Structure formats: structure tokens, C-alpha cells
Amino acid sequence: MLTPWHESIAGAGLGLRRSFLSALVESPPLGRVDFYEIAPENWIGVGGSKGHRLRALTEQVPFVCHGLSLSIGGPAPLDGNFLHQLKGFLDQHDIAHYTEHLSYCADDGQLYDLLPIPFTEEAVHYVAARVREVQDRLERRIALENASYYAAPGPEMSESDFIRAVLTEADCDLLLDVNNIYVNSINHSYDPLAFLHSLPGERIRYGHIAGHHVAAEDLRIDTHGAEVIDPVWTLLDAAYQSFGVFPTLLERDFNIPPLAELLLEVDRVRQIQHDHHVRHEPQSATPPALAMA
């Protein structure tokens, strides 16, 4: 039986990085971060003080895991040893949520990049079968992230059709990366709002928001190395408007500023969520005035 995914996380989250692990343990930002995300590959087998500090956090705050090396669309067989280690890590830390990129990154060894899967019907069947195998082995329903990409080899369908087809056939969920939609919309010349609205909102597990690098007027690189820009914040607001508020997490992988600066962006996620909750709260009815005798 697959572990339920709809528990434990809500609100605004932050991708945990080792550079500020000690600061989190020593001075937890209470009320400002609702959940954390880690890449399990960076923590499986880690012991000592860092391992103890991570466990101290996972015992207190909800965590999700976002994988880097599963290579769900790759040509090589799934790594059974890694999946065994991954399940043990998830169980050890009571983490119900595991997500991966809808891409591939290995073929008889790691390629150290996230490469695009061809948007074809054959690829849909292939990826969906591998997702079902992963879900069975982990005993968890997983979610796949809409990935950034810079070339589309041999497409037979649109990106959004491909995503929907994989999620439906695999019966898994979506990690909605808002920045990736914006980056891809520039690089591949499409309307980000139309793309957003074409996605299956009912399958959203949680969301990512991040910054990117402007390489040219028509080229954005998904680096997670800068502040989130206003058009991406606007797209997040539109996602909440379309699908309702879902848990959303800030990613920052390079040029990492002090924790206090990252928390300001997490605060902004929370504020946008709060504004939507207020906007959609049912208004209490005003009782009719009493008739004069």
C-alpha cells in the first residue's frame, strides 16, 4: 500500500543546504519555514554531527525529498541498490514525500546534467512504467517535476501533453516548478500562463520557486543562483489563482546568501499565500436589521 502523500506539508518551505544547517539547528526560524526539502543523495549515509543535526530537524519539522539521480527517463535500468538505500533513508526520517525530475541524467554512469526526454508516446509508456516500479519499491506515491530544458529532440506532442500523459498513465503527482515554466517559456517561445493552465492542478503535490540566469534576451538558464524575479512571483500568484494555494518551496543552490536573506523570499511566498486565503475566505453574512415595532 502506497504511503499517503497528502499529509505533513503546507505553507512555505525552504531547500535545506549544508551551509546554513548549523544556523537552522541553533536558531530555528520558528513560524517562518513550514517544511524543508533535501536531496537524499547528499545525505544518505551521512553520520557524525551533520547526520545528528539533520535528524534533529527531521524530528521537529516536516521534510520532503527531491531526488537528483534516479534518471526516471534514462535508458539504463533503474538502480535497485539506490532505491533500497533511498527507501531506508525515507523510512528512517519519516519522510512521506519523494519527488524527481521528469528528465534523465544517467546512462551506464551519471551524466551530471538533467537531459530532456523526447515528447513521444513511446516515452510516455516507458517513463510511466518506471514510475510505477519506483512507487512500488518505495511504497510511496511520488511526484515528478516539470523540468527546464534547452532542446526538444523529436517531439510528437507538446510538453504539457507529455507531462499530463505521463502523470495519468503512471498515476503519480506533479511537483510544479513555476520558475521552470517561466524559463522554458522564454527559451521555447510560448505563453507561460497558457502552459500553466494546461497542467493538471489536481495532481500538484507542492511547488518550487527559484531564480535563474539571463544569458541572452531569448535564453534563460535555470541556475537557482539568484533571487526570484517579479514575473516568476506573478506566475506563482496566477498558479494559486488557478489551482488554489499549494505548499511552495524556495530553492537556492548557488551564490547562497545568508539565511536571513533567504527567509525574506520565503516570507514573500507566505504573504502571497496569505493574500489568496484572505481573498477567498467566505464573507460572513450580515444579519437583516430587526423590524421596527
Protein backbone atom coordinates (compact mmCIF):
# COMPACT_ATOMS: atom_id res chain seq x y z
CA MET A 1 0.00 0.00 0.00
CA LEU A 2 1.41 3.39 -1.01
CA THR A 3 2.05 5.92 1.76
CA PRO A 4 -0.48 8.79 1.63
CA TRP A 5 1.07 11.93 0.20
CA HIS A 6 -1.45 14.50 1.34
CA GLU A 7 -0.22 14.83 4.92
CA SER A 8 2.51 16.73 6.73
CA ILE A 9 3.32 19.65 4.44
CA ALA A 10 1.63 23.01 3.97
CA GLY A 11 2.60 26.64 3.67
CA ALA A 12 6.04 27.95 2.66
CA GLY A 13 9.20 25.83 2.58
CA LEU A 14 12.93 26.14 2.01
CA GLY A 15 15.51 23.92 0.35
CA LEU A 16 17.95 22.97 3.11
CA ARG A 17 21.65 23.40 2.29
CA ARG A 18 24.58 22.37 4.48
CA SER A 19 25.90 25.93 4.52
CA PHE A 20 23.11 27.00 6.86
CA LEU A 21 22.30 23.72 8.62
CA SER A 22 24.01 24.80 11.85
CA ALA A 23 22.15 28.12 11.86
CA LEU A 24 18.82 26.31 11.49
CA VAL A 25 19.54 23.95 14.37
CA GLU A 26 20.90 26.66 16.68
CA SER A 27 18.30 29.33 15.89
CA PRO A 28 15.25 27.76 14.24
CA PRO A 29 13.23 30.32 12.24
CA LEU A 30 10.04 29.45 14.09
CA GLY A 31 6.88 30.29 12.21
CA ARG A 32 8.74 31.24 9.03
CA VAL A 33 9.55 27.86 7.42
CA ASP A 34 6.82 25.21 7.40
CA PHE A 35 8.84 22.44 5.74
CA TYR A 36 12.28 21.72 4.30
CA GLU A 37 13.46 19.88 1.21
CA ILE A 38 16.69 17.91 0.78
CA ALA A 39 18.29 15.88 -1.98
CA PRO A 40 18.60 12.40 -0.44
CA GLU A 41 21.75 11.66 -2.47
CA ASN A 42 23.51 14.35 -0.44
CA TRP A 43 22.50 12.82 2.91
CA ILE A 44 22.25 9.05 2.58
CA GLY A 45 24.99 7.55 4.74
CA VAL A 46 25.98 10.88 6.32
CA GLY A 47 26.75 10.42 10.01
CA GLY A 48 28.57 12.39 12.64
CA SER A 49 27.50 15.85 13.69
CA LYS A 50 25.85 16.67 10.35
CA GLY A 51 23.80 13.48 10.44
CA HIS A 52 22.71 14.18 14.02
CA ARG A 53 21.76 17.75 13.15
CA LEU A 54 19.68 16.59 10.20
CA ARG A 55 17.87 14.05 12.37
CA ALA A 56 17.22 16.72 14.99
CA LEU A 57 15.46 18.77 12.30
CA THR A 58 13.51 15.91 10.71
CA GLU A 59 12.14 15.04 14.16
CA GLN A 60 10.75 18.56 14.56
CA VAL A 61 9.78 19.87 11.10
CA PRO A 62 8.19 18.17 8.06
CA PHE A 63 10.64 17.25 5.29
CA VAL A 64 10.34 16.30 1.63
CA CYS A 65 13.00 14.68 -0.57
CA HIS A 66 13.76 15.85 -4.10
CA GLY A 67 15.97 13.41 -5.99
CA LEU A 68 18.83 14.19 -8.36
CA SER A 69 19.99 10.86 -9.76
CA LEU A 70 17.09 8.46 -10.27
CA SER A 71 17.10 9.17 -14.04
CA ILE A 72 13.45 8.26 -14.43
CA GLY A 73 13.58 8.68 -18.22
CA GLY A 74 17.02 7.19 -18.79
CA PRO A 75 17.91 4.17 -20.96
CA ALA A 76 19.74 2.29 -18.18
CA PRO A 77 17.80 0.06 -15.77
CA LEU A 78 16.68 1.66 -12.54
CA ASP A 79 19.29 1.40 -9.81
CA GLY A 80 17.83 -1.11 -7.38
CA ASN A 81 20.56 -0.57 -4.78
CA PHE A 82 19.91 3.17 -4.77
CA LEU A 83 16.16 2.63 -4.41
CA HIS A 84 16.80 0.30 -1.45
CA GLN A 85 19.01 2.92 0.23
CA LEU A 86 16.50 5.65 -0.58
CA LYS A 87 13.60 3.76 0.99
CA GLY A 88 15.65 3.17 4.11
CA PHE A 89 16.51 6.87 4.34
CA LEU A 90 12.90 7.95 3.84
CA ASP A 91 11.71 5.48 6.47
CA GLN A 92 14.46 6.47 8.91
CA HIS A 93 13.43 10.14 8.75
CA ASP A 94 9.67 9.52 8.42
CA ILE A 95 9.57 11.32 5.07
CA ALA A 96 6.46 10.51 3.04
CA HIS A 97 7.16 12.76 0.05
CA TYR A 98 9.65 11.90 -2.69
CA THR A 99 9.90 13.78 -5.97
CA GLU A 100 12.12 13.62 -9.03
CA HIS A 101 12.71 15.47 -12.30
CA LEU A 102 10.82 14.43 -15.43
CA SER A 103 14.12 14.01 -17.27
CA TYR A 104 17.12 11.68 -17.29
CA CYS A 105 20.68 12.03 -16.05
CA ALA A 106 22.40 8.66 -16.44
CA ASP A 107 23.35 6.00 -19.00
CA ASP A 108 25.87 3.49 -17.69
CA GLY A 109 27.05 6.18 -15.27
CA GLN A 110 25.97 9.64 -14.17
CA LEU A 111 25.96 12.39 -16.81
CA TYR A 112 25.75 15.16 -14.19
CA ASP A 113 23.06 17.05 -16.06
CA LEU A 114 19.29 16.85 -16.44
CA LEU A 115 18.53 15.94 -20.05
CA PRO A 116 15.15 16.13 -21.83
CA ILE A 117 13.04 13.10 -22.55
CA PRO A 118 11.58 13.05 -26.11
CA PHE A 119 7.92 14.06 -26.07
CA THR A 120 6.66 10.84 -27.66
CA GLU A 121 4.01 8.24 -26.93
CA GLU A 122 6.69 5.56 -26.61
CA ALA A 123 8.46 7.66 -23.97
CA VAL A 124 5.18 8.14 -22.08
CA HIS A 125 4.73 4.36 -21.74
CA TYR A 126 8.40 3.83 -20.86
CA VAL A 127 8.58 6.52 -18.18
CA ALA A 128 5.19 5.64 -16.68
CA ALA A 129 6.23 2.00 -16.24
CA ARG A 130 9.41 3.08 -14.46
CA VAL A 131 7.47 5.45 -12.19
CA ARG A 132 5.13 2.63 -11.20
CA GLU A 133 8.13 0.44 -10.38
CA VAL A 134 9.66 3.19 -8.22
CA GLN A 135 6.36 3.71 -6.39
CA ASP A 136 6.09 0.00 -5.68
CA ARG A 137 9.66 -0.21 -4.37
CA LEU A 138 9.41 2.92 -2.21
CA GLU A 139 5.83 2.13 -1.12
CA ARG A 140 5.10 5.80 -1.74
CA ARG A 141 3.24 7.74 -4.37
CA ILE A 142 5.83 10.05 -5.93
CA ALA A 143 5.67 13.33 -7.84
CA LEU A 144 7.54 14.43 -10.97
CA GLU A 145 8.78 17.95 -11.61
CA ASN A 146 8.22 19.75 -14.90
CA ALA A 147 11.85 20.21 -15.92
CA SER A 148 13.72 23.03 -17.62
CA TYR A 149 15.24 22.03 -20.96
CA TYR A 150 17.12 23.67 -23.81
CA ALA A 151 16.32 21.36 -26.74
CA ALA A 152 13.34 19.18 -27.61
CA PRO A 153 14.53 16.09 -29.55
CA GLY A 154 11.98 14.56 -31.91
CA PRO A 155 8.76 15.81 -30.30
CA GLU A 156 5.50 14.14 -31.30
CA MET A 157 3.39 16.04 -28.77
CA SER A 158 3.58 19.23 -26.76
CA GLU A 159 5.43 19.44 -23.46
CA SER A 160 2.21 19.86 -21.48
CA ASP A 161 0.53 16.94 -23.27
CA PHE A 162 3.57 14.80 -22.47
CA ILE A 163 3.53 15.76 -18.80
CA ARG A 164 -0.20 15.07 -18.46
CA ALA A 165 0.11 11.73 -20.25
CA VAL A 166 2.96 10.51 -18.01
CA LEU A 167 1.23 11.58 -14.80
CA THR A 168 -2.03 9.94 -15.86
CA GLU A 169 -0.56 6.63 -17.03
CA ALA A 170 1.80 6.35 -14.04
CA ASP A 171 -0.88 7.64 -11.64
CA CYS A 172 1.62 9.89 -9.89
CA ASP A 173 1.64 13.57 -8.96
CA LEU A 174 3.17 16.84 -10.10
CA LEU A 175 5.87 18.94 -8.48
CA LEU A 176 5.02 22.27 -10.11
CA ASP A 177 8.18 24.29 -10.72
CA VAL A 178 7.00 27.82 -11.51
CA ASN A 179 10.44 29.11 -12.43
CA ASN A 180 10.90 26.28 -14.94
CA ILE A 181 7.69 27.30 -16.68
CA TYR A 182 8.96 30.86 -17.00
CA VAL A 183 12.45 29.78 -18.16
CA ASN A 184 11.02 27.39 -20.75
CA SER A 185 8.53 29.98 -21.97
CA ILE A 186 11.40 32.32 -22.87
CA ASN A 187 13.64 29.63 -24.34
CA HIS A 188 10.89 27.98 -26.39
CA SER A 189 8.69 31.00 -27.10
CA TYR A 190 5.40 30.04 -25.52
CA ASP A 191 2.85 31.71 -23.27
CA PRO A 192 3.65 30.76 -19.65
CA LEU A 193 0.09 31.38 -18.46
CA ALA A 194 -1.41 29.17 -21.17
CA PHE A 195 1.08 26.44 -20.28
CA LEU A 196 0.31 26.78 -16.58
CA HIS A 197 -3.42 26.49 -17.18
CA SER A 198 -2.90 23.34 -19.27
CA LEU A 199 -1.42 21.40 -16.35
CA PRO A 200 -3.44 19.06 -14.10
CA GLY A 201 -3.84 21.17 -10.98
CA GLU A 202 -5.48 18.33 -9.08
CA ARG A 203 -2.17 16.44 -9.16
CA ILE A 204 0.01 19.19 -7.66
CA ARG A 205 1.86 17.88 -4.60
CA TYR A 206 3.78 21.07 -3.92
CA GLY A 207 5.61 23.79 -5.83
CA HIS A 208 9.10 25.15 -6.42
CA ILE A 209 10.11 28.74 -6.96
CA ALA A 210 13.65 29.89 -7.73
CA GLY A 211 15.85 32.35 -9.55
CA HIS A 212 17.69 31.93 -12.85
CA HIS A 213 20.41 33.47 -15.04
CA VAL A 214 19.70 35.73 -18.02
CA ALA A 215 22.19 34.56 -20.66
CA ALA A 216 20.59 36.48 -23.53
CA GLU A 217 17.33 38.17 -24.41
CA ASP A 218 15.91 34.84 -25.56
CA LEU A 219 17.85 32.49 -23.27
CA ARG A 220 17.39 31.81 -19.57
CA ILE A 221 19.48 29.27 -17.63
CA ASP A 222 17.87 27.52 -14.67
CA THR A 223 20.64 28.03 -12.10
CA HIS A 224 18.81 28.52 -8.77
CA GLY A 225 21.58 31.03 -8.17
CA ALA A 226 19.73 34.34 -7.93
CA GLU A 227 16.72 35.98 -6.35
CA VAL A 228 13.27 35.19 -7.73
CA ILE A 229 12.25 37.86 -10.25
CA ASP A 230 8.90 39.65 -10.40
CA PRO A 231 7.49 37.77 -13.46
CA VAL A 232 8.03 34.47 -11.62
CA TRP A 233 6.31 35.81 -8.49
CA THR A 234 3.43 36.90 -10.74
CA LEU A 235 3.25 33.42 -12.25
CA LEU A 236 3.12 31.88 -8.76
CA ASP A 237 0.23 34.18 -7.92
CA ALA A 238 -1.51 33.04 -11.12
CA ALA A 239 -0.94 29.39 -10.16
CA TYR A 240 -2.65 29.93 -6.81
CA GLN A 241 -5.47 31.73 -8.61
CA SER A 242 -5.94 28.77 -10.96
CA PHE A 243 -5.36 25.82 -8.63
CA GLY A 244 -5.74 27.16 -5.11
CA VAL A 245 -2.88 27.61 -2.66
CA PHE A 246 -0.47 24.68 -2.55
CA PRO A 247 2.72 24.21 -0.48
CA THR A 248 5.57 26.08 -2.15
CA LEU A 249 9.30 25.91 -1.54
CA LEU A 250 12.18 28.26 -2.32
CA GLU A 251 15.23 26.69 -3.97
CA ARG A 252 18.70 28.26 -3.87
CA ASP A 253 21.72 26.18 -4.92
CA PHE A 254 24.44 28.69 -5.86
CA ASN A 255 25.53 32.12 -4.66
CA ILE A 256 23.72 31.26 -1.44
CA PRO A 257 23.21 34.39 0.68
CA PRO A 258 22.88 34.45 4.47
CA LEU A 259 19.88 32.58 5.81
CA ALA A 260 18.21 35.86 6.81
CA GLU A 261 18.04 36.91 3.15
CA LEU A 262 16.59 33.58 2.03
CA LEU A 263 13.92 33.85 4.70
CA LEU A 264 12.75 37.14 3.18
CA GLU A 265 11.86 35.27 -0.01
CA VAL A 266 10.17 32.51 1.98
CA ASP A 267 8.21 35.29 3.71
CA ARG A 268 7.09 36.53 0.31
CA VAL A 269 5.79 33.07 -0.60
CA ARG A 270 3.84 33.05 2.65
CA GLN A 271 2.47 36.55 2.03
CA ILE A 272 1.17 35.61 -1.42
CA GLN A 273 -0.43 32.50 0.07
CA HIS A 274 -1.96 34.57 2.87
CA ASP A 275 -3.37 37.10 0.40
CA HIS A 276 -5.07 34.32 -1.55
CA HIS A 277 -6.53 32.78 1.60
CA VAL A 278 -7.93 36.16 2.67
CA ARG A 279 -9.25 36.87 -0.81
CA HIS A 280 -11.15 33.59 -0.91
CA GLU A 281 -12.42 33.43 2.65
CA PRO A 282 -16.21 33.30 2.70
CA GLN A 283 -17.67 36.58 3.86
CA SER A 284 -19.93 36.27 6.89
CA ALA A 285 -23.48 37.22 6.10
CA THR A 286 -24.80 40.39 7.74
CA PRO A 287 -27.98 39.60 9.67
CA PRO A 288 -31.03 41.52 8.50
CA ALA A 289 -31.97 44.56 10.54
CA LEU A 290 -34.70 43.97 13.10
CA ALA A 291 -38.06 45.33 12.01
CA MET A 292 -39.24 48.34 13.95
CA ALA A 293 -42.25 47.63 16.14
